[in-house]
Amino acid sequence: MRRIYFLLPNVGSAKGIIDELLLKRVEWRHIHVLARPDVPLEDLPAATLAQRSDLLPALARGTAAGGVTGMLAGLVAMAFPPAGLTIAGGAVVLMTLASAGFGAWTATMIGVDVPNTRLKRFEDAVAKGELLMMVDVRTDRAEEIELLVKNHHPEADVEGTDPTIPAFP
């Protein structure tokens, strides 16, 4: 899947594009609109927390960092057992999983408050009142959808695509 970005001047333009996308069999759940908090989106599909924030990348980093830390701590405890305790592989696995879970939890708590780094280039336009539309399509349809919007909606700025979208957009 690829994510295509469009900057739109108003809600009416977004509604027109969404109607055409739905006719082209792009599912509603694959369309996301981001705007300033004071811009009413009416019945447009608003971007979720996962699209607006750095939640998913933070989750991945936190899980990896916590898992590695827990595994290393478990291996050190196995190599140098404290107070004559015998530590086996199960304890290492348990420490790895517990640390990965703790790392994921703490990183997502931070990631929720950090704006999505992939959307940084659109911050100024959204702050001026434009709408950012993100459309997730199969890779083979990306060019077709871009051409559709370019040809039927000259007011829309096609801002390109991401090579891939997150696993859980």
N, C-alpha and C. Protein backbone atom coordinates (compact mmCIF):
# COMPACT_ATOMS: atom_id res chain seq x y z
N MET A 1 0.84 -1.18 0.00
CA MET A 1 0.00 0.00 0.00
C MET A 1 0.88 1.25 0.00
N ARG A 2 0.34 2.29 -0.58
CA ARG A 2 1.01 3.59 -0.59
C ARG A 2 0.06 4.65 -0.07
N ARG A 3 0.62 5.64 0.57
CA ARG A 3 -0.18 6.76 1.06
C ARG A 3 0.09 7.96 0.16
N ILE A 4 -0.99 8.51 -0.41
CA ILE A 4 -0.92 9.69 -1.27
C ILE A 4 -1.38 10.89 -0.46
N TYR A 5 -0.67 12.00 -0.57
CA TYR A 5 -1.00 13.22 0.16
C TYR A 5 -1.54 14.29 -0.79
N PHE A 6 -2.64 14.94 -0.38
CA PHE A 6 -3.22 16.05 -1.12
C PHE A 6 -3.46 17.20 -0.16
N LEU A 7 -3.14 18.41 -0.60
CA LEU A 7 -3.50 19.62 0.15
C LEU A 7 -4.69 20.25 -0.55
N LEU A 8 -5.74 20.52 0.23
CA LEU A 8 -6.99 21.03 -0.34
C LEU A 8 -7.35 22.36 0.32
N PRO A 9 -7.98 23.26 -0.45
CA PRO A 9 -8.27 24.58 0.10
C PRO A 9 -9.47 24.62 1.05
N ASN A 10 -10.45 23.70 0.88
CA ASN A 10 -11.65 23.79 1.71
C ASN A 10 -12.35 22.43 1.81
N VAL A 11 -13.38 22.40 2.65
CA VAL A 11 -14.13 21.17 2.90
C VAL A 11 -14.90 20.73 1.66
N GLY A 12 -15.44 21.68 0.90
CA GLY A 12 -16.18 21.34 -0.31
C GLY A 12 -15.33 20.58 -1.31
N SER A 13 -14.10 21.03 -1.49
CA SER A 13 -13.19 20.33 -2.39
C SER A 13 -12.90 18.92 -1.89
N ALA A 14 -12.72 18.78 -0.59
CA ALA A 14 -12.45 17.46 -0.01
C ALA A 14 -13.63 16.53 -0.23
N LYS A 15 -14.85 17.03 -0.06
CA LYS A 15 -16.04 16.20 -0.27
C LYS A 15 -16.13 15.72 -1.72
N GLY A 16 -15.83 16.61 -2.66
CA GLY A 16 -15.86 16.23 -4.07
C GLY A 16 -14.85 15.14 -4.38
N ILE A 17 -13.65 15.26 -3.86
CA ILE A 17 -12.62 14.25 -4.09
C ILE A 17 -13.00 12.93 -3.44
N ILE A 18 -13.53 12.99 -2.23
CA ILE A 18 -13.92 11.75 -1.55
C ILE A 18 -15.03 11.04 -2.33
N ASP A 19 -15.99 11.80 -2.86
CA ASP A 19 -17.05 11.17 -3.66
C ASP A 19 -16.47 10.43 -4.86
N GLU A 20 -15.52 11.06 -5.54
CA GLU A 20 -14.90 10.40 -6.70
C GLU A 20 -14.07 9.19 -6.29
N LEU A 21 -13.37 9.29 -5.16
CA LEU A 21 -12.58 8.16 -4.69
C LEU A 21 -13.48 6.98 -4.34
N LEU A 22 -14.60 7.26 -3.72
CA LEU A 22 -15.54 6.18 -3.39
C LEU A 22 -16.08 5.52 -4.65
N LEU A 23 -16.35 6.32 -5.69
CA LEU A 23 -16.80 5.74 -6.96
C LEU A 23 -15.72 4.89 -7.62
N LYS A 24 -14.47 5.21 -7.35
CA LYS A 24 -13.33 4.43 -7.88
C LYS A 24 -12.96 3.27 -6.96
N ARG A 25 -13.83 2.96 -6.02
CA ARG A 25 -13.68 1.81 -5.12
C ARG A 25 -12.52 1.96 -4.12
N VAL A 26 -12.23 3.18 -3.71
CA VAL A 26 -11.31 3.40 -2.61
C VAL A 26 -12.17 3.39 -1.35
N GLU A 27 -11.86 2.54 -0.41
CA GLU A 27 -12.69 2.39 0.77
C GLU A 27 -12.60 3.61 1.68
N TRP A 28 -13.72 3.91 2.33
CA TRP A 28 -13.82 5.04 3.25
C TRP A 28 -12.75 4.98 4.33
N ARG A 29 -12.46 3.78 4.83
CA ARG A 29 -11.49 3.63 5.92
C ARG A 29 -10.06 3.91 5.47
N HIS A 30 -9.82 4.07 4.17
CA HIS A 30 -8.49 4.36 3.66
C HIS A 30 -8.31 5.84 3.30
N ILE A 31 -9.27 6.66 3.70
CA ILE A 31 -9.21 8.11 3.45
C ILE A 31 -9.18 8.81 4.80
N HIS A 32 -8.23 9.74 4.96
CA HIS A 32 -8.06 10.44 6.23
C HIS A 32 -7.84 11.92 5.95
N VAL A 33 -8.51 12.77 6.72
CA VAL A 33 -8.38 14.21 6.53
C VAL A 33 -7.89 14.84 7.84
N LEU A 34 -6.91 15.70 7.70
CA LEU A 34 -6.33 16.40 8.85
C LEU A 34 -6.48 17.90 8.63
N ALA A 35 -6.96 18.60 9.65
CA ALA A 35 -7.15 20.05 9.56
C ALA A 35 -6.82 20.68 10.90
N ARG A 36 -6.77 22.00 10.91
CA ARG A 36 -6.61 22.74 12.16
C ARG A 36 -7.78 22.42 13.08
N PRO A 37 -7.56 22.50 14.39
CA PRO A 37 -8.66 22.17 15.31
C PRO A 37 -9.91 23.03 15.14
N ASP A 38 -9.77 24.28 14.68
CA ASP A 38 -10.93 25.16 14.54
C ASP A 38 -11.65 25.01 13.20
N VAL A 39 -11.15 24.15 12.30
CA VAL A 39 -11.79 23.92 11.01
C VAL A 39 -12.76 22.74 11.15
N PRO A 40 -14.07 22.99 10.95
CA PRO A 40 -15.03 21.88 11.09
C PRO A 40 -14.92 20.94 9.88
N LEU A 41 -14.73 19.66 10.15
CA LEU A 41 -14.61 18.67 9.08
C LEU A 41 -15.96 18.13 8.63
N GLU A 42 -17.02 18.51 9.33
CA GLU A 42 -18.36 18.04 9.03
C GLU A 42 -18.38 16.51 9.02
N ASP A 43 -18.70 15.90 7.89
CA ASP A 43 -18.77 14.44 7.86
C ASP A 43 -17.59 13.80 7.12
N LEU A 44 -16.47 14.50 7.07
CA LEU A 44 -15.27 13.95 6.44
C LEU A 44 -14.59 12.96 7.39
N PRO A 45 -13.88 11.98 6.85
CA PRO A 45 -13.17 11.00 7.72
C PRO A 45 -11.94 11.63 8.36
N ALA A 46 -12.05 11.97 9.61
CA ALA A 46 -10.95 12.64 10.32
C ALA A 46 -9.80 11.68 10.55
N ALA A 47 -8.60 12.22 10.52
CA ALA A 47 -7.41 11.43 10.79
C ALA A 47 -7.44 10.97 12.25
N THR A 48 -7.07 9.73 12.47
CA THR A 48 -7.08 9.17 13.82
C THR A 48 -5.81 9.56 14.57
N LEU A 49 -5.76 9.18 15.82
CA LEU A 49 -4.59 9.46 16.65
C LEU A 49 -3.34 8.81 16.06
N ALA A 50 -3.48 7.62 15.49
CA ALA A 50 -2.34 6.93 14.89
C ALA A 50 -1.79 7.69 13.69
N GLN A 51 -2.66 8.41 12.96
CA GLN A 51 -2.19 9.17 11.81
C GLN A 51 -1.66 10.55 12.20
N ARG A 52 -2.21 11.13 13.26
CA ARG A 52 -1.81 12.48 13.68
C ARG A 52 -0.55 12.49 14.52
N SER A 53 -0.26 11.42 15.22
CA SER A 53 0.86 11.41 16.16
C SER A 53 1.93 10.41 15.73
N ASP A 54 3.00 10.38 16.49
CA ASP A 54 4.09 9.44 16.25
C ASP A 54 3.90 8.15 17.06
N LEU A 55 2.67 7.79 17.30
CA LEU A 55 2.33 6.64 18.14
C LEU A 55 2.97 5.34 17.65
N LEU A 56 2.78 5.00 16.39
CA LEU A 56 3.26 3.70 15.89
C LEU A 56 4.79 3.62 15.80
N PRO A 57 5.47 4.64 15.28
CA PRO A 57 6.94 4.56 15.31
C PRO A 57 7.49 4.50 16.73
N ALA A 58 6.87 5.23 17.66
CA ALA A 58 7.32 5.18 19.05
C ALA A 58 7.09 3.80 19.64
N LEU A 59 5.98 3.19 19.31
CA LEU A 59 5.69 1.83 19.79
C LEU A 59 6.76 0.86 19.31
N ALA A 60 7.13 0.95 18.05
CA ALA A 60 8.16 0.06 17.50
C ALA A 60 9.51 0.29 18.18
N ARG A 61 9.90 1.56 18.32
CA ARG A 61 11.18 1.86 18.96
C ARG A 61 11.20 1.42 20.42
N GLY A 62 10.12 1.68 21.14
CA GLY A 62 10.05 1.32 22.55
C GLY A 62 10.08 -0.19 22.78
N THR A 63 9.37 -0.92 21.93
CA THR A 63 9.37 -2.38 22.05
C THR A 63 10.76 -2.94 21.78
N ALA A 64 11.40 -2.45 20.74
CA ALA A 64 12.74 -2.93 20.40
C ALA A 64 13.75 -2.58 21.50
N ALA A 65 13.74 -1.34 21.94
CA ALA A 65 14.69 -0.92 22.97
C ALA A 65 14.46 -1.67 24.28
N GLY A 66 13.21 -1.82 24.67
CA GLY A 66 12.90 -2.54 25.90
C GLY A 66 13.26 -4.01 25.81
N GLY A 67 12.99 -4.63 24.66
CA GLY A 67 13.32 -6.05 24.48
C GLY A 67 14.82 -6.30 24.54
N VAL A 68 15.59 -5.46 23.87
CA VAL A 68 17.05 -5.61 23.88
C VAL A 68 17.60 -5.39 25.29
N THR A 69 17.10 -4.37 25.96
CA THR A 69 17.56 -4.10 27.33
C THR A 69 17.25 -5.26 28.27
N GLY A 70 16.03 -5.77 28.18
CA GLY A 70 15.64 -6.90 29.02
C GLY A 70 16.44 -8.16 28.73
N MET A 71 16.71 -8.40 27.45
CA MET A 71 17.50 -9.58 27.09
C MET A 71 18.93 -9.46 27.62
N LEU A 72 19.53 -8.29 27.44
CA LEU A 72 20.89 -8.10 27.94
C LEU A 72 20.95 -8.21 29.47
N ALA A 73 19.96 -7.65 30.15
CA ALA A 73 19.92 -7.76 31.62
C ALA A 73 19.76 -9.22 32.04
N GLY A 74 18.93 -9.96 31.31
CA GLY A 74 18.75 -11.37 31.62
C GLY A 74 20.00 -12.19 31.38
N LEU A 75 20.70 -11.91 30.30
CA LEU A 75 21.94 -12.63 30.00
C LEU A 75 23.03 -12.30 31.03
N VAL A 76 23.09 -11.04 31.44
CA VAL A 76 24.07 -10.66 32.47
C VAL A 76 23.74 -11.36 33.79
N ALA A 77 22.45 -11.40 34.13
CA ALA A 77 22.04 -12.08 35.37
C ALA A 77 22.31 -13.58 35.29
N MET A 78 22.20 -14.15 34.09
CA MET A 78 22.48 -15.58 33.93
C MET A 78 23.99 -15.84 34.03
N ALA A 79 24.79 -14.93 33.48
CA ALA A 79 26.24 -15.12 33.51
C ALA A 79 26.82 -14.84 34.90
N PHE A 80 26.25 -13.88 35.60
CA PHE A 80 26.72 -13.52 36.94
C PHE A 80 25.53 -13.57 37.90
N PRO A 81 25.11 -14.76 38.29
CA PRO A 81 23.90 -14.88 39.11
C PRO A 81 24.08 -14.21 40.48
N PRO A 82 23.09 -13.42 40.88
CA PRO A 82 23.18 -12.73 42.17
C PRO A 82 22.93 -13.69 43.34
N ALA A 83 23.74 -13.60 44.35
CA ALA A 83 23.58 -14.33 45.62
C ALA A 83 23.39 -15.83 45.41
N GLY A 84 24.08 -16.40 44.46
CA GLY A 84 24.04 -17.85 44.28
C GLY A 84 22.76 -18.38 43.66
N LEU A 85 21.89 -17.52 43.13
CA LEU A 85 20.67 -18.00 42.47
C LEU A 85 21.01 -18.60 41.12
N THR A 86 20.28 -19.60 40.72
CA THR A 86 20.45 -20.19 39.40
C THR A 86 19.40 -19.59 38.47
N ILE A 87 19.86 -18.92 37.45
CA ILE A 87 18.95 -18.28 36.49
C ILE A 87 19.08 -19.03 35.18
N ALA A 88 17.93 -19.50 34.66
CA ALA A 88 17.91 -20.28 33.42
C ALA A 88 17.33 -19.44 32.28
N GLY A 89 17.17 -20.08 31.14
CA GLY A 89 16.69 -19.40 29.94
C GLY A 89 15.29 -18.83 30.09
N GLY A 90 14.44 -19.48 30.87
CA GLY A 90 13.09 -18.97 31.08
C GLY A 90 13.07 -17.60 31.71
N ALA A 91 13.97 -17.37 32.62
CA ALA A 91 14.06 -16.06 33.26
C ALA A 91 14.51 -14.99 32.27
N VAL A 92 15.40 -15.36 31.36
CA VAL A 92 15.85 -14.43 30.33
C VAL A 92 14.68 -14.06 29.42
N VAL A 93 13.92 -15.06 29.02
CA VAL A 93 12.76 -14.81 28.15
C VAL A 93 11.75 -13.93 28.88
N LEU A 94 11.49 -14.22 30.14
CA LEU A 94 10.55 -13.43 30.92
C LEU A 94 11.02 -11.98 31.06
N MET A 95 12.29 -11.77 31.33
CA MET A 95 12.83 -10.41 31.45
C MET A 95 12.75 -9.68 30.11
N THR A 96 13.01 -10.40 29.02
CA THR A 96 12.94 -9.80 27.69
C THR A 96 11.52 -9.34 27.39
N LEU A 97 10.55 -10.21 27.64
CA LEU A 97 9.16 -9.86 27.35
C LEU A 97 8.64 -8.75 28.26
N ALA A 98 8.98 -8.82 29.53
CA ALA A 98 8.55 -7.77 30.45
C ALA A 98 9.14 -6.42 30.08
N SER A 99 10.41 -6.41 29.74
CA SER A 99 11.06 -5.15 29.35
C SER A 99 10.52 -4.62 28.03
N ALA A 100 10.23 -5.52 27.09
CA ALA A 100 9.65 -5.09 25.82
C ALA A 100 8.28 -4.46 26.06
N GLY A 101 7.47 -5.07 26.91
CA GLY A 101 6.17 -4.51 27.23
C GLY A 101 6.27 -3.15 27.91
N PHE A 102 7.18 -3.04 28.87
CA PHE A 102 7.39 -1.77 29.56
C PHE A 102 7.89 -0.70 28.59
N GLY A 103 8.82 -1.07 27.71
CA GLY A 103 9.34 -0.12 26.71
C GLY A 103 8.25 0.34 25.76
N ALA A 104 7.39 -0.59 25.34
CA ALA A 104 6.29 -0.23 24.44
C ALA A 104 5.33 0.73 25.13
N TRP A 105 5.00 0.44 26.38
CA TRP A 105 4.06 1.28 27.11
C TRP A 105 4.60 2.69 27.30
N THR A 106 5.82 2.80 27.77
CA THR A 106 6.37 4.13 28.03
C THR A 106 6.58 4.92 26.73
N ALA A 107 7.01 4.24 25.68
CA ALA A 107 7.25 4.94 24.41
C ALA A 107 5.95 5.43 23.79
N THR A 108 4.88 4.65 23.89
CA THR A 108 3.61 5.11 23.33
C THR A 108 3.04 6.28 24.12
N MET A 109 3.29 6.31 25.43
CA MET A 109 2.84 7.44 26.23
C MET A 109 3.51 8.73 25.74
N ILE A 110 4.73 8.63 25.31
CA ILE A 110 5.45 9.79 24.77
C ILE A 110 5.02 10.05 23.33
N GLY A 111 4.92 9.00 22.52
CA GLY A 111 4.59 9.13 21.10
C GLY A 111 3.24 9.75 20.83
N VAL A 112 2.29 9.59 21.74
CA VAL A 112 0.96 10.16 21.57
C VAL A 112 1.02 11.68 21.53
N ASP A 113 1.95 12.27 22.26
CA ASP A 113 2.05 13.73 22.33
C ASP A 113 2.97 14.34 21.27
N VAL A 114 3.63 13.52 20.48
CA VAL A 114 4.55 14.02 19.46
C VAL A 114 3.84 14.00 18.11
N PRO A 115 3.80 15.13 17.39
CA PRO A 115 3.16 15.13 16.07
C PRO A 115 3.88 14.16 15.12
N ASN A 116 3.13 13.63 14.17
CA ASN A 116 3.65 12.68 13.20
C ASN A 116 4.78 13.33 12.41
N THR A 117 5.95 12.73 12.45
CA THR A 117 7.11 13.29 11.76
C THR A 117 6.97 13.24 10.24
N ARG A 118 6.18 12.30 9.72
CA ARG A 118 5.95 12.24 8.28
C ARG A 118 5.11 13.42 7.79
N LEU A 119 4.37 14.05 8.68
CA LEU A 119 3.49 15.16 8.30
C LEU A 119 4.10 16.53 8.58
N LYS A 120 5.34 16.56 9.02
CA LYS A 120 6.00 17.82 9.37
C LYS A 120 6.01 18.80 8.19
N ARG A 121 6.19 18.30 7.00
CA ARG A 121 6.26 19.19 5.82
C ARG A 121 4.92 19.87 5.50
N PHE A 122 3.82 19.38 6.10
CA PHE A 122 2.51 19.95 5.85
C PHE A 122 2.03 20.88 6.96
N GLU A 123 2.81 21.04 8.02
CA GLU A 123 2.40 21.82 9.19
C GLU A 123 2.00 23.24 8.83
N ASP A 124 2.79 23.92 8.02
CA ASP A 124 2.51 25.32 7.68
C ASP A 124 1.20 25.44 6.90
N ALA A 125 1.00 24.56 5.94
CA ALA A 125 -0.23 24.61 5.13
C ALA A 125 -1.47 24.35 5.98
N VAL A 126 -1.39 23.37 6.87
CA VAL A 126 -2.52 23.07 7.74
C VAL A 126 -2.76 24.23 8.70
N ALA A 127 -1.70 24.85 9.19
CA ALA A 127 -1.84 25.99 10.09
C ALA A 127 -2.52 27.17 9.39
N LYS A 128 -2.36 27.29 8.08
CA LYS A 128 -3.00 28.37 7.31
C LYS A 128 -4.45 28.07 6.99
N GLY A 129 -4.91 26.85 7.29
CA GLY A 129 -6.32 26.52 7.07
C GLY A 129 -6.58 25.51 5.98
N GLU A 130 -5.53 25.04 5.32
CA GLU A 130 -5.73 24.02 4.30
C GLU A 130 -6.01 22.67 4.95
N LEU A 131 -6.58 21.77 4.18
CA LEU A 131 -6.83 20.42 4.66
C LEU A 131 -5.84 19.47 4.03
N LEU A 132 -5.34 18.55 4.81
CA LEU A 132 -4.45 17.51 4.31
C LEU A 132 -5.25 16.22 4.20
N MET A 133 -5.33 15.69 3.00
CA MET A 133 -6.01 14.42 2.77
C MET A 133 -4.97 13.35 2.51
N MET A 134 -5.09 12.25 3.23
CA MET A 134 -4.21 11.10 3.05
C MET A 134 -5.05 9.95 2.55
N VAL A 135 -4.64 9.37 1.43
CA VAL A 135 -5.39 8.28 0.82
C VAL A 135 -4.46 7.08 0.70
N ASP A 136 -4.87 5.95 1.27
CA ASP A 136 -4.09 4.72 1.20
C ASP A 136 -4.65 3.84 0.09
N VAL A 137 -3.81 3.54 -0.90
CA VAL A 137 -4.24 2.71 -2.03
C VAL A 137 -3.17 1.65 -2.32
N ARG A 138 -3.59 0.64 -3.06
CA ARG A 138 -2.62 -0.36 -3.50
C ARG A 138 -1.57 0.32 -4.38
N THR A 139 -0.39 -0.20 -4.36
CA THR A 139 0.73 0.40 -5.09
C THR A 139 0.42 0.58 -6.57
N ASP A 140 -0.24 -0.40 -7.17
CA ASP A 140 -0.53 -0.32 -8.60
C ASP A 140 -1.62 0.71 -8.95
N ARG A 141 -2.32 1.25 -7.96
CA ARG A 141 -3.37 2.24 -8.21
C ARG A 141 -2.94 3.66 -7.85
N ALA A 142 -1.77 3.84 -7.29
CA ALA A 142 -1.35 5.16 -6.83
C ALA A 142 -1.34 6.18 -7.97
N GLU A 143 -0.77 5.84 -9.08
CA GLU A 143 -0.69 6.77 -10.21
C GLU A 143 -2.08 7.08 -10.75
N GLU A 144 -2.94 6.09 -10.82
CA GLU A 144 -4.32 6.29 -11.30
C GLU A 144 -5.07 7.29 -10.42
N ILE A 145 -4.94 7.16 -9.12
CA ILE A 145 -5.65 8.05 -8.19
C ILE A 145 -5.07 9.46 -8.27
N GLU A 146 -3.75 9.58 -8.36
CA GLU A 146 -3.12 10.90 -8.49
C GLU A 146 -3.62 11.60 -9.75
N LEU A 147 -3.67 10.89 -10.87
CA LEU A 147 -4.14 11.48 -12.12
C LEU A 147 -5.61 11.88 -12.04
N LEU A 148 -6.41 11.08 -11.39
CA LEU A 148 -7.83 11.39 -11.22
C LEU A 148 -8.00 12.73 -10.50
N VAL A 149 -7.28 12.90 -9.42
CA VAL A 149 -7.40 14.13 -8.65
C VAL A 149 -6.82 15.31 -9.43
N LYS A 150 -5.67 15.13 -10.07
CA LYS A 150 -5.07 16.22 -10.85
C LYS A 150 -6.00 16.69 -11.96
N ASN A 151 -6.63 15.74 -12.67
CA ASN A 151 -7.47 16.08 -13.82
C ASN A 151 -8.82 16.67 -13.43
N HIS A 152 -9.41 16.23 -12.34
CA HIS A 152 -10.76 16.67 -11.98
C HIS A 152 -10.78 17.77 -10.93
N HIS A 153 -9.68 17.98 -10.23
CA HIS A 153 -9.65 18.97 -9.15
C HIS A 153 -8.35 19.77 -9.22
N PRO A 154 -8.32 20.79 -10.08
CA PRO A 154 -7.08 21.57 -10.21
C PRO A 154 -6.73 22.36 -8.94
N GLU A 155 -7.71 22.55 -8.05
CA GLU A 155 -7.43 23.28 -6.81
C GLU A 155 -6.64 22.44 -5.80
N ALA A 156 -6.58 21.14 -6.03
CA ALA A 156 -5.87 20.24 -5.12
C ALA A 156 -4.39 20.17 -5.49
N ASP A 157 -3.55 20.25 -4.49
CA ASP A 157 -2.11 20.09 -4.70
C ASP A 157 -1.74 18.66 -4.36
N VAL A 158 -1.27 17.91 -5.35
CA VAL A 158 -0.81 16.55 -5.10
C VAL A 158 0.59 16.66 -4.54
N GLU A 159 0.79 16.19 -3.32
CA GLU A 159 2.05 16.35 -2.62
C GLU A 159 2.93 15.11 -2.63
N GLY A 160 2.58 14.12 -3.44
CA GLY A 160 3.40 12.93 -3.55
C GLY A 160 2.90 11.79 -2.69
N THR A 161 3.73 10.76 -2.62
CA THR A 161 3.35 9.54 -1.90
C THR A 161 4.47 9.12 -0.95
N ASP A 162 4.08 8.34 0.03
CA ASP A 162 5.04 7.63 0.86
C ASP A 162 5.27 6.29 0.20
N PRO A 163 6.51 5.78 0.23
CA PRO A 163 6.77 4.49 -0.40
C PRO A 163 5.97 3.36 0.25
N THR A 164 5.74 3.45 1.53
CA THR A 164 4.92 2.46 2.22
C THR A 164 4.15 3.18 3.31
N ILE A 165 3.11 2.53 3.78
CA ILE A 165 2.36 3.09 4.90
C ILE A 165 2.62 2.20 6.11
N PRO A 166 2.38 2.71 7.30
CA PRO A 166 2.59 1.90 8.48
C PRO A 166 1.71 0.64 8.47
N ALA A 167 2.11 -0.36 9.20
CA ALA A 167 1.36 -1.61 9.24
C ALA A 167 -0.06 -1.40 9.73
N PHE A 168 -0.25 -0.47 10.65
CA PHE A 168 -1.56 -0.19 11.19
C PHE A 168 -1.87 1.29 10.98
N PRO A 169 -2.28 1.69 9.75
CA PRO A 169 -2.49 3.10 9.48
C PRO A 169 -3.68 3.58 10.23
